[in-house]
Amino acid sequence: KDMMIGLAIVNPVYFGCMMVGAMKSLQISLSIILGAILGPAFFFISPEWSILYGGVLAGTIAYFVGELK
């Protein structure tokens, strides 16, 4: 049981480190940061689709910001 708790803690830490390591350009950084903000915000509107809505909107905004530069 302790091993399962340890793995449950290591997985989000690993995922967070991988996201920080991937933040090499403005578009990627903006999409990750906006996705982290918009995902929980959309949870109040639609809990089932919040990750999809947040990711699509964050990626779209980051794409257009990158294209403007």
PDB file of N, CA and C in Angstrom:
ATOM      1  N   LYS A   1       0.823  -1.189   0.000  1.00  0.00           N
ATOM      2  CA  LYS A   1       0.000   0.000   0.000  1.00  0.00           C
ATOM      3  C   LYS A   1       0.874   1.262   0.000  1.00  0.00           C
ATOM      4  N   ASP A   2       1.967   1.256   0.746  1.00  0.00           N
ATOM      5  CA  ASP A   2       2.858   2.414   0.763  1.00  0.00           C
ATOM      6  C   ASP A   2       3.490   2.643  -0.604  1.00  0.00           C
ATOM      7  N   MET A   3       3.754   1.554  -1.316  1.00  0.00           N
ATOM      8  CA  MET A   3       4.329   1.668  -2.658  1.00  0.00           C
ATOM      9  C   MET A   3       3.351   2.363  -3.602  1.00  0.00           C
ATOM     10  N   MET A   4       2.075   2.070  -3.498  1.00  0.00           N
ATOM     11  CA  MET A   4       1.067   2.705  -4.349  1.00  0.00           C
ATOM     12  C   MET A   4       0.971   4.198  -4.059  1.00  0.00           C
ATOM     13  N   ILE A   5       1.051   4.574  -2.797  1.00  0.00           N
ATOM     14  CA  ILE A   5       1.012   5.992  -2.428  1.00  0.00           C
ATOM     15  C   ILE A   5       2.243   6.700  -2.972  1.00  0.00           C
ATOM     16  N   GLY A   6       3.403   6.054  -2.879  1.00  0.00           N
ATOM     17  CA  GLY A   6       4.630   6.634  -3.419  1.00  0.00           C
ATOM     18  C   GLY A   6       4.551   6.839  -4.919  1.00  0.00           C
ATOM     19  N   LEU A   7       4.020   5.870  -5.631  1.00  0.00           N
ATOM     20  CA  LEU A   7       3.874   6.005  -7.084  1.00  0.00           C
ATOM     21  C   LEU A   7       2.859   7.079  -7.441  1.00  0.00           C
ATOM     22  N   ALA A   8       1.831   7.229  -6.631  1.00  0.00           N
ATOM     23  CA  ALA A   8       0.831   8.271  -6.889  1.00  0.00           C
ATOM     24  C   ALA A   8       1.426   9.659  -6.706  1.00  0.00           C
ATOM     25  N   ILE A   9       2.430   9.795  -5.862  1.00  0.00           N
ATOM     26  CA  ILE A   9       3.085  11.086  -5.663  1.00  0.00           C
ATOM     27  C   ILE A   9       4.141  11.332  -6.730  1.00  0.00           C
ATOM     28  N   VAL A  10       4.871  10.295  -7.133  1.00  0.00           N
ATOM     29  CA  VAL A  10       5.953  10.445  -8.107  1.00  0.00           C
ATOM     30  C   VAL A  10       5.412  10.795  -9.488  1.00  0.00           C
ATOM     31  N   ASN A  11       4.286  10.262  -9.870  1.00  0.00           N
ATOM     32  CA  ASN A  11       3.753  10.493 -11.211  1.00  0.00           C
ATOM     33  C   ASN A  11       3.489  11.968 -11.496  1.00  0.00           C
ATOM     34  N   PRO A  12       2.780  12.724 -10.659  1.00  0.00           N
ATOM     35  CA  PRO A  12       2.587  14.150 -10.951  1.00  0.00           C
ATOM     36  C   PRO A  12       3.885  14.952 -10.908  1.00  0.00           C
ATOM     37  N   VAL A  13       4.811  14.564 -10.026  1.00  0.00           N
ATOM     38  CA  VAL A  13       6.099  15.265  -9.965  1.00  0.00           C
ATOM     39  C   VAL A  13       6.861  15.057 -11.269  1.00  0.00           C
ATOM     40  N   TYR A  14       6.891  13.833 -11.767  1.00  0.00           N
ATOM     41  CA  TYR A  14       7.557  13.536 -13.032  1.00  0.00           C
ATOM     42  C   TYR A  14       6.893  14.294 -14.182  1.00  0.00           C
ATOM     43  N   PHE A  15       5.584  14.298 -14.222  1.00  0.00           N
ATOM     44  CA  PHE A  15       4.851  14.993 -15.279  1.00  0.00           C
ATOM     45  C   PHE A  15       5.140  16.491 -15.243  1.00  0.00           C
ATOM     46  N   GLY A  16       5.178  17.076 -14.052  1.00  0.00           N
ATOM     47  CA  GLY A  16       5.488  18.502 -13.915  1.00  0.00           C
ATOM     48  C   GLY A  16       6.901  18.819 -14.377  1.00  0.00           C
ATOM     49  N   CYS A  17       7.856  17.965 -14.023  1.00  0.00           N
ATOM     50  CA  CYS A  17       9.242  18.180 -14.467  1.00  0.00           C
ATOM     51  C   CYS A  17       9.363  18.070 -15.981  1.00  0.00           C
ATOM     52  N   MET A  18       8.649  17.153 -16.577  1.00  0.00           N
ATOM     53  CA  MET A  18       8.692  17.011 -18.037  1.00  0.00           C
ATOM     54  C   MET A  18       8.093  18.238 -18.721  1.00  0.00           C
ATOM     55  N   MET A  19       7.042  18.797 -18.164  1.00  0.00           N
ATOM     56  CA  MET A  19       6.440  19.995 -18.760  1.00  0.00           C
ATOM     57  C   MET A  19       7.371  21.189 -18.645  1.00  0.00           C
ATOM     58  N   VAL A  20       8.017  21.349 -17.503  1.00  0.00           N
ATOM     59  CA  VAL A  20       8.957  22.457 -17.331  1.00  0.00           C
ATOM     60  C   VAL A  20      10.144  22.286 -18.277  1.00  0.00           C
ATOM     61  N   GLY A  21      10.596  21.070 -18.471  1.00  0.00           N
ATOM     62  CA  GLY A  21      11.704  20.809 -19.385  1.00  0.00           C
ATOM     63  C   GLY A  21      11.354  21.060 -20.835  1.00  0.00           C
ATOM     64  N   ALA A  22      10.080  20.985 -21.178  1.00  0.00           N
ATOM     65  CA  ALA A  22       9.652  21.188 -22.564  1.00  0.00           C
ATOM     66  C   ALA A  22       9.397  22.650 -22.900  1.00  0.00           C
ATOM     67  N   MET A  23       9.462  23.526 -21.924  1.00  0.00           N
ATOM     68  CA  MET A  23       9.123  24.938 -22.142  1.00  0.00           C
ATOM     69  C   MET A  23      10.312  25.677 -22.761  1.00  0.00           C
ATOM     70  N   LYS A  24      10.518  25.481 -24.053  1.00  0.00           N
ATOM     71  CA  LYS A  24      11.654  26.086 -24.726  1.00  0.00           C
ATOM     72  C   LYS A  24      11.266  27.267 -25.606  1.00  0.00           C
ATOM     73  N   SER A  25      10.025  27.375 -25.980  1.00  0.00           N
ATOM     74  CA  SER A  25       9.593  28.492 -26.819  1.00  0.00           C
ATOM     75  C   SER A  25       8.395  29.183 -26.165  1.00  0.00           C
ATOM     76  N   LEU A  26       8.081  30.361 -26.671  1.00  0.00           N
ATOM     77  CA  LEU A  26       6.959  31.127 -26.119  1.00  0.00           C
ATOM     78  C   LEU A  26       5.643  30.381 -26.303  1.00  0.00           C
ATOM     79  N   GLN A  27       5.445  29.777 -27.467  1.00  0.00           N
ATOM     80  CA  GLN A  27       4.185  29.078 -27.722  1.00  0.00           C
ATOM     81  C   GLN A  27       3.977  27.917 -26.755  1.00  0.00           C
ATOM     82  N   ILE A  28       5.007  27.128 -26.545  1.00  0.00           N
ATOM     83  CA  ILE A  28       4.871  25.973 -25.653  1.00  0.00           C
ATOM     84  C   ILE A  28       4.666  26.432 -24.214  1.00  0.00           C
ATOM     85  N   SER A  29       5.439  27.424 -23.794  1.00  0.00           N
ATOM     86  CA  SER A  29       5.301  27.937 -22.427  1.00  0.00           C
ATOM     87  C   SER A  29       3.913  28.510 -22.194  1.00  0.00           C
ATOM     88  N   LEU A  30       3.438  29.292 -23.151  1.00  0.00           N
ATOM     89  CA  LEU A  30       2.120  29.910 -23.014  1.00  0.00           C
ATOM     90  C   LEU A  30       1.013  28.864 -23.001  1.00  0.00           C
ATOM     91  N   SER A  31       1.131  27.849 -23.844  1.00  0.00           N
ATOM     92  CA  SER A  31       0.085  26.828 -23.876  1.00  0.00           C
ATOM     93  C   SER A  31       0.052  26.023 -22.578  1.00  0.00           C
ATOM     94  N   ILE A  32       1.213  25.726 -22.000  1.00  0.00           N
ATOM     95  CA  ILE A  32       1.245  24.975 -20.742  1.00  0.00           C
ATOM     96  C   ILE A  32       0.679  25.810 -19.599  1.00  0.00           C
ATOM     97  N   ILE A  33       1.097  27.073 -19.524  1.00  0.00           N
ATOM     98  CA  ILE A  33       0.625  27.932 -18.433  1.00  0.00           C
ATOM     99  C   ILE A  33      -0.874  28.202 -18.558  1.00  0.00           C
ATOM    100  N   LEU A  34      -1.326  28.527 -19.768  1.00  0.00           N
ATOM    101  CA  LEU A  34      -2.763  28.771 -19.958  1.00  0.00           C
ATOM    102  C   LEU A  34      -3.583  27.502 -19.725  1.00  0.00           C
ATOM    103  N   GLY A  35      -3.058  26.363 -20.156  1.00  0.00           N
ATOM    104  CA  GLY A  35      -3.757  25.107 -19.920  1.00  0.00           C
ATOM    105  C   GLY A  35      -3.898  24.798 -18.439  1.00  0.00           C
ATOM    106  N   ALA A  36      -2.851  25.115 -17.667  1.00  0.00           N
ATOM    107  CA  ALA A  36      -2.908  24.893 -16.220  1.00  0.00           C
ATOM    108  C   ALA A  36      -3.907  25.828 -15.542  1.00  0.00           C
ATOM    109  N   ILE A  37      -4.137  26.983 -16.143  1.00  0.00           N
ATOM    110  CA  ILE A  37      -5.101  27.933 -15.578  1.00  0.00           C
ATOM    111  C   ILE A  37      -6.518  27.634 -16.064  1.00  0.00           C
ATOM    112  N   LEU A  38      -6.663  27.380 -17.363  1.00  0.00           N
ATOM    113  CA  LEU A  38      -7.997  27.215 -17.943  1.00  0.00           C
ATOM    114  C   LEU A  38      -8.631  25.861 -17.636  1.00  0.00           C
ATOM    115  N   GLY A  39      -7.827  24.821 -17.461  1.00  0.00           N
ATOM    116  CA  GLY A  39      -8.383  23.502 -17.147  1.00  0.00           C
ATOM    117  C   GLY A  39      -9.237  23.517 -15.888  1.00  0.00           C
ATOM    118  N   PRO A  40      -8.677  23.966 -14.766  1.00  0.00           N
ATOM    119  CA  PRO A  40      -9.511  24.048 -13.552  1.00  0.00           C
ATOM    120  C   PRO A  40     -10.645  25.061 -13.662  1.00  0.00           C
ATOM    121  N   ALA A  41     -10.441  26.131 -14.442  1.00  0.00           N
ATOM    122  CA  ALA A  41     -11.510  27.123 -14.601  1.00  0.00           C
ATOM    123  C   ALA A  41     -12.701  26.516 -15.342  1.00  0.00           C
ATOM    124  N   PHE A  42     -12.438  25.717 -16.369  1.00  0.00           N
ATOM    125  CA  PHE A  42     -13.520  25.074 -17.115  1.00  0.00           C
ATOM    126  C   PHE A  42     -14.179  23.951 -16.316  1.00  0.00           C
ATOM    127  N   PHE A  43     -13.524  23.485 -15.253  1.00  0.00           N
ATOM    128  CA  PHE A  43     -14.109  22.430 -14.430  1.00  0.00           C
ATOM    129  C   PHE A  43     -15.433  22.868 -13.821  1.00  0.00           C
ATOM    130  N   PHE A  44     -15.555  24.152 -13.521  1.00  0.00           N
ATOM    131  CA  PHE A  44     -16.805  24.653 -12.939  1.00  0.00           C
ATOM    132  C   PHE A  44     -17.925  24.705 -13.974  1.00  0.00           C
ATOM    133  N   ILE A  45     -17.571  24.796 -15.252  1.00  0.00           N
ATOM    134  CA  ILE A  45     -18.569  24.843 -16.321  1.00  0.00           C
ATOM    135  C   ILE A  45     -18.953  23.434 -16.758  1.00  0.00           C
ATOM    136  N   SER A  46     -17.934  22.613 -17.043  1.00  0.00           N
ATOM    137  CA  SER A  46     -18.180  21.258 -17.511  1.00  0.00           C
ATOM    138  C   SER A  46     -17.097  20.327 -16.962  1.00  0.00           C
ATOM    139  N   PRO A  47     -17.353  19.640 -15.854  1.00  0.00           N
ATOM    140  CA  PRO A  47     -16.321  18.781 -15.263  1.00  0.00           C
ATOM    141  C   PRO A  47     -15.840  17.662 -16.192  1.00  0.00           C
ATOM    142  N   GLU A  48     -16.716  17.146 -17.036  1.00  0.00           N
ATOM    143  CA  GLU A  48     -16.336  16.035 -17.904  1.00  0.00           C
ATOM    144  C   GLU A  48     -15.406  16.469 -19.032  1.00  0.00           C
ATOM    145  N   TRP A  49     -15.559  17.685 -19.504  1.00  0.00           N
ATOM    146  CA  TRP A  49     -14.826  18.149 -20.679  1.00  0.00           C
ATOM    147  C   TRP A  49     -13.819  19.253 -20.363  1.00  0.00           C
ATOM    148  N   SER A  50     -13.539  19.508 -19.103  1.00  0.00           N
ATOM    149  CA  SER A  50     -12.711  20.657 -18.728  1.00  0.00           C
ATOM    150  C   SER A  50     -11.289  20.568 -19.268  1.00  0.00           C
ATOM    151  N   ILE A  51     -10.678  19.398 -19.248  1.00  0.00           N
ATOM    152  CA  ILE A  51      -9.304  19.269 -19.742  1.00  0.00           C
ATOM    153  C   ILE A  51      -9.259  19.499 -21.244  1.00  0.00           C
ATOM    154  N   LEU A  52     -10.227  18.961 -21.963  1.00  0.00           N
ATOM    155  CA  LEU A  52     -10.267  19.150 -23.413  1.00  0.00           C
ATOM    156  C   LEU A  52     -10.500  20.610 -23.771  1.00  0.00           C
ATOM    157  N   TYR A  53     -11.488  21.236 -23.150  1.00  0.00           N
ATOM    158  CA  TYR A  53     -11.768  22.652 -23.439  1.00  0.00           C
ATOM    159  C   TYR A  53     -10.581  23.539 -23.083  1.00  0.00           C
ATOM    160  N   GLY A  54     -10.004  23.332 -21.914  1.00  0.00           N
ATOM    161  CA  GLY A  54      -8.857  24.133 -21.494  1.00  0.00           C
ATOM    162  C   GLY A  54      -7.664  23.950 -22.409  1.00  0.00           C
ATOM    163  N   GLY A  55      -7.394  22.723 -22.806  1.00  0.00           N
ATOM    164  CA  GLY A  55      -6.265  22.451 -23.693  1.00  0.00           C
ATOM    165  C   GLY A  55      -6.445  23.023 -25.082  1.00  0.00           C
ATOM    166  N   VAL A  56      -7.633  22.874 -25.635  1.00  0.00           N
ATOM    167  CA  VAL A  56      -7.892  23.408 -26.978  1.00  0.00           C
ATOM    168  C   VAL A  56      -7.825  24.926 -26.977  1.00  0.00           C
ATOM    169  N   LEU A  57      -8.438  25.560 -26.000  1.00  0.00           N
ATOM    170  CA  LEU A  57      -8.414  27.021 -25.950  1.00  0.00           C
ATOM    171  C   LEU A  57      -7.002  27.542 -25.677  1.00  0.00           C
ATOM    172  N   ALA A  58      -6.281  26.920 -24.752  1.00  0.00           N
ATOM    173  CA  ALA A  58      -4.912  27.355 -24.446  1.00  0.00           C
ATOM    174  C   ALA A  58      -3.999  27.158 -25.653  1.00  0.00           C
ATOM    175  N   GLY A  59      -4.116  26.036 -26.323  1.00  0.00           N
ATOM    176  CA  GLY A  59      -3.299  25.791 -27.511  1.00  0.00           C
ATOM    177  C   GLY A  59      -3.621  26.737 -28.646  1.00  0.00           C
ATOM    178  N   THR A  60      -4.892  27.053 -28.823  1.00  0.00           N
ATOM    179  CA  THR A  60      -5.295  27.987 -29.875  1.00  0.00           C
ATOM    180  C   THR A  60      -4.770  29.391 -29.594  1.00  0.00           C
ATOM    181  N   ILE A  61      -4.895  29.839 -28.357  1.00  0.00           N
ATOM    182  CA  ILE A  61      -4.384  31.166 -27.998  1.00  0.00           C
ATOM    183  C   ILE A  61      -2.873  31.215 -28.185  1.00  0.00           C
ATOM    184  N   ALA A  62      -2.165  30.183 -27.732  1.00  0.00           N
ATOM    185  CA  ALA A  62      -0.708  30.154 -27.871  1.00  0.00           C
ATOM    186  C   ALA A  62      -0.297  30.121 -29.339  1.00  0.00           C
ATOM    187  N   TYR A  63      -1.040  29.413 -30.170  1.00  0.00           N
ATOM    188  CA  TYR A  63      -0.730  29.364 -31.597  1.00  0.00           C
ATOM    189  C   TYR A  63      -0.837  30.747 -32.227  1.00  0.00           C
ATOM    190  N   PHE A  64      -1.931  31.439 -31.946  1.00  0.00           N
ATOM    191  CA  PHE A  64      -2.121  32.755 -32.553  1.00  0.00           C
ATOM    192  C   PHE A  64      -1.149  33.792 -31.997  1.00  0.00           C
ATOM    193  N   VAL A  65      -0.794  33.692 -30.727  1.00  0.00           N
ATOM    194  CA  VAL A  65       0.220  34.596 -30.167  1.00  0.00           C
ATOM    195  C   VAL A  65       1.566  34.339 -30.842  1.00  0.00           C
ATOM    196  N   GLY A  66       1.897  33.082 -31.061  1.00  0.00           N
ATOM    197  CA  GLY A  66       3.148  32.747 -31.746  1.00  0.00           C
ATOM    198  C   GLY A  66       3.161  33.186 -33.193  1.00  0.00           C
ATOM    199  N   GLU A  67       2.019  33.132 -33.851  1.00  0.00           N
ATOM    200  CA  GLU A  67       1.948  33.561 -35.249  1.00  0.00           C
ATOM    201  C   GLU A  67       2.033  35.073 -35.384  1.00  0.00           C
ATOM    202  N   LEU A  68       1.602  35.812 -34.373  1.00  0.00           N
ATOM    203  CA  LEU A  68       1.675  37.270 -34.425  1.00  0.00           C
ATOM    204  C   LEU A  68       3.103  37.768 -34.265  1.00  0.00           C
ATOM    205  N   LYS A  69       3.954  36.986 -33.633  1.00  0.00           N
ATOM    206  CA  LYS A  69       5.342  37.421 -33.407  1.00  0.00           C
ATOM    207  C   LYS A  69       6.227  37.101 -34.574  1.00  0.00           C
TER     208      LYS A  69
END
